[in-house]
């Protein structure tokens, strides 16, 4: 099965973020974004995706939502990190290694609410799918 292509606007955002070392792209449509690099679960090749993020916890960790706009299936990046939770992040100009995990049932409500304040459309995405949209915790190494 071929790796899904990113929509053009996602690819453009990614290229601007990389070319400017986060200066152009860290803030997208008024919200913060990071670059998540996972290992492709079949190819093993690095796959980088820009994602809206929040921060929480002590020490701080990053939160992203595996929404895929409310599609029926999980995004490829989520399936990749479930298989290999060691990931690479770029947050603005800072690059760091992290470990990814799906938020527990106890953690999820508060983290979902935090992210829905940043990007309210997450609630719409969940309403349009029967899939339970995962909340992902990215803990810096």
Protein backbone atom coordinates (compact mmCIF):
# COMPACT_ATOMS: atom_id res chain seq x y z
CA UNK A 1 0.00 0.00 0.00
CA UNK A 2 1.40 3.40 -0.97
CA UNK A 3 1.96 6.11 1.62
CA UNK A 4 -0.82 8.69 1.43
CA UNK A 5 0.16 12.02 -0.05
CA UNK A 6 -0.34 15.11 2.06
CA UNK A 7 -2.73 17.73 0.71
CA UNK A 8 -0.97 20.60 -1.08
CA UNK A 9 -1.57 23.12 1.70
CA UNK A 10 -0.02 20.73 4.26
CA UNK A 11 3.02 20.20 2.06
CA UNK A 12 3.36 23.98 1.54
CA UNK A 13 3.13 24.59 5.30
CA UNK A 14 5.75 21.92 5.97
CA UNK A 15 8.15 23.33 3.37
CA UNK A 16 7.80 26.91 4.72
CA UNK A 17 8.37 25.68 8.29
CA UNK A 18 11.51 23.75 7.31
CA UNK A 19 12.94 26.44 5.01
CA UNK A 20 12.58 29.16 7.65
CA UNK A 21 13.57 27.01 10.65
CA UNK A 22 10.12 27.58 12.13
CA UNK A 23 10.00 31.36 11.64
CA UNK A 24 7.32 30.97 8.95
CA UNK A 25 4.99 28.17 9.92
CA UNK A 26 5.26 27.83 13.69
CA UNK A 27 2.14 29.98 13.92
CA UNK A 28 -0.43 28.83 11.35
CA UNK A 29 -3.90 30.40 11.14
CA UNK A 30 -3.27 31.96 14.56
CA UNK A 31 -2.37 28.71 16.35
CA UNK A 32 0.98 27.07 17.23
CA UNK A 33 2.19 24.14 15.15
CA UNK A 34 5.04 21.70 15.50
CA UNK A 35 6.59 19.25 13.09
CA UNK A 36 6.23 15.61 14.11
CA UNK A 37 8.55 13.10 12.46
CA UNK A 38 7.63 9.44 12.80
CA UNK A 39 9.14 6.31 11.28
CA UNK A 40 6.91 4.88 8.56
CA UNK A 41 5.50 1.63 9.94
CA UNK A 42 6.11 -0.27 6.69
CA UNK A 43 8.96 1.66 5.06
CA UNK A 44 10.87 2.78 8.16
CA UNK A 45 11.43 6.11 6.36
CA UNK A 46 10.98 9.38 8.25
CA UNK A 47 7.54 10.99 7.75
CA UNK A 48 7.06 14.60 8.86
CA UNK A 49 3.69 16.22 9.50
CA UNK A 50 2.84 19.72 10.77
CA UNK A 51 0.31 19.56 13.63
CA UNK A 52 -1.43 22.00 15.94
CA UNK A 53 -0.14 21.54 19.48
CA UNK A 54 -0.73 22.51 23.08
CA UNK A 55 1.43 22.25 26.17
CA UNK A 56 0.60 20.88 29.59
CA UNK A 57 2.10 19.17 32.62
CA UNK A 58 5.15 19.45 34.78
CA UNK A 59 7.64 18.99 33.29
CA UNK A 60 5.91 20.33 30.18
CA UNK A 61 4.89 17.98 27.40
CA UNK A 62 3.24 18.58 24.05
CA UNK A 63 -0.24 17.47 23.03
CA UNK A 64 -1.54 16.79 19.52
CA UNK A 65 -4.85 15.41 18.28
CA UNK A 66 -5.07 12.53 15.76
CA UNK A 67 -8.21 13.99 14.18
CA UNK A 68 -7.57 13.79 10.44
CA UNK A 69 -10.46 16.25 10.17
CA UNK A 70 -12.93 13.69 11.52
CA UNK A 71 -12.16 11.06 8.87
CA UNK A 72 -13.16 7.42 9.45
CA UNK A 73 -9.57 6.22 9.86
CA UNK A 74 -6.68 7.33 12.03
CA UNK A 75 -4.01 9.45 10.33
CA UNK A 76 -0.91 7.60 9.13
CA UNK A 77 1.32 9.53 11.51
CA UNK A 78 -0.69 8.20 14.47
CA UNK A 79 -0.45 4.60 13.26
CA UNK A 80 3.29 5.14 12.79
CA UNK A 81 3.87 6.37 16.35
CA UNK A 82 1.78 3.56 17.84
CA UNK A 83 4.18 1.17 16.09
CA UNK A 84 7.33 3.18 16.96
CA UNK A 85 6.77 5.72 19.75
CA UNK A 86 10.22 7.32 19.46
CA UNK A 87 9.65 10.51 17.44
CA UNK A 88 11.41 13.74 16.53
CA UNK A 89 9.83 17.17 17.04
CA UNK A 90 10.55 20.62 15.75
CA UNK A 91 8.84 23.33 17.75
CA UNK A 92 9.71 26.65 16.14
CA UNK A 93 13.50 26.47 15.78
CA UNK A 94 13.97 23.87 18.55
CA UNK A 95 14.46 20.23 17.55
CA UNK A 96 14.14 17.46 20.11
CA UNK A 97 13.54 13.75 20.52
CA UNK A 98 10.37 12.64 22.27
CA UNK A 99 8.33 9.59 23.17
CA UNK A 100 4.73 9.49 22.00
CA UNK A 101 1.83 7.80 23.73
CA UNK A 102 -1.94 7.91 23.55
CA UNK A 103 -3.42 9.79 26.51
CA UNK A 104 -5.08 7.58 29.10
CA UNK A 105 -8.85 7.67 29.60
CA UNK A 106 -8.25 9.65 32.81
CA UNK A 107 -6.02 12.24 31.09
CA UNK A 108 -7.96 12.65 27.88
CA UNK A 109 -10.87 14.93 28.91
CA UNK A 110 -8.68 17.71 30.29
CA UNK A 111 -6.21 17.48 27.40
CA UNK A 112 -9.04 17.41 24.83
CA UNK A 113 -10.58 20.53 26.39
CA UNK A 114 -7.22 22.31 26.32
CA UNK A 115 -6.78 21.49 22.64
CA UNK A 116 -10.40 22.38 21.76
CA UNK A 117 -9.76 25.86 23.21
CA UNK A 118 -6.83 26.20 20.80
CA UNK A 119 -8.72 24.70 17.79
CA UNK A 120 -12.49 24.47 18.45
CA UNK A 121 -13.03 22.47 15.23
CA UNK A 122 -11.75 19.37 17.06
CA UNK A 123 -15.20 19.08 18.63
CA UNK A 124 -16.78 19.19 15.15
CA UNK A 125 -14.34 16.55 13.91
CA UNK A 126 -15.29 14.20 16.75
CA UNK A 127 -18.99 14.81 16.09
CA UNK A 128 -18.65 13.78 12.43
CA UNK A 129 -16.99 10.40 13.02
CA UNK A 130 -17.76 7.25 14.97
CA UNK A 131 -14.02 6.80 15.53
CA UNK A 132 -12.75 7.84 18.94
CA UNK A 133 -10.17 10.49 18.11
CA UNK A 134 -6.96 9.93 20.08
CA UNK A 135 -5.15 12.58 22.07
CA UNK A 136 -1.38 12.09 21.86
CA UNK A 137 1.12 13.07 24.53
CA UNK A 138 4.64 13.86 23.29
CA UNK A 139 7.12 13.69 26.17
CA UNK A 140 10.55 15.20 25.44
CA UNK A 141 13.41 12.74 25.97
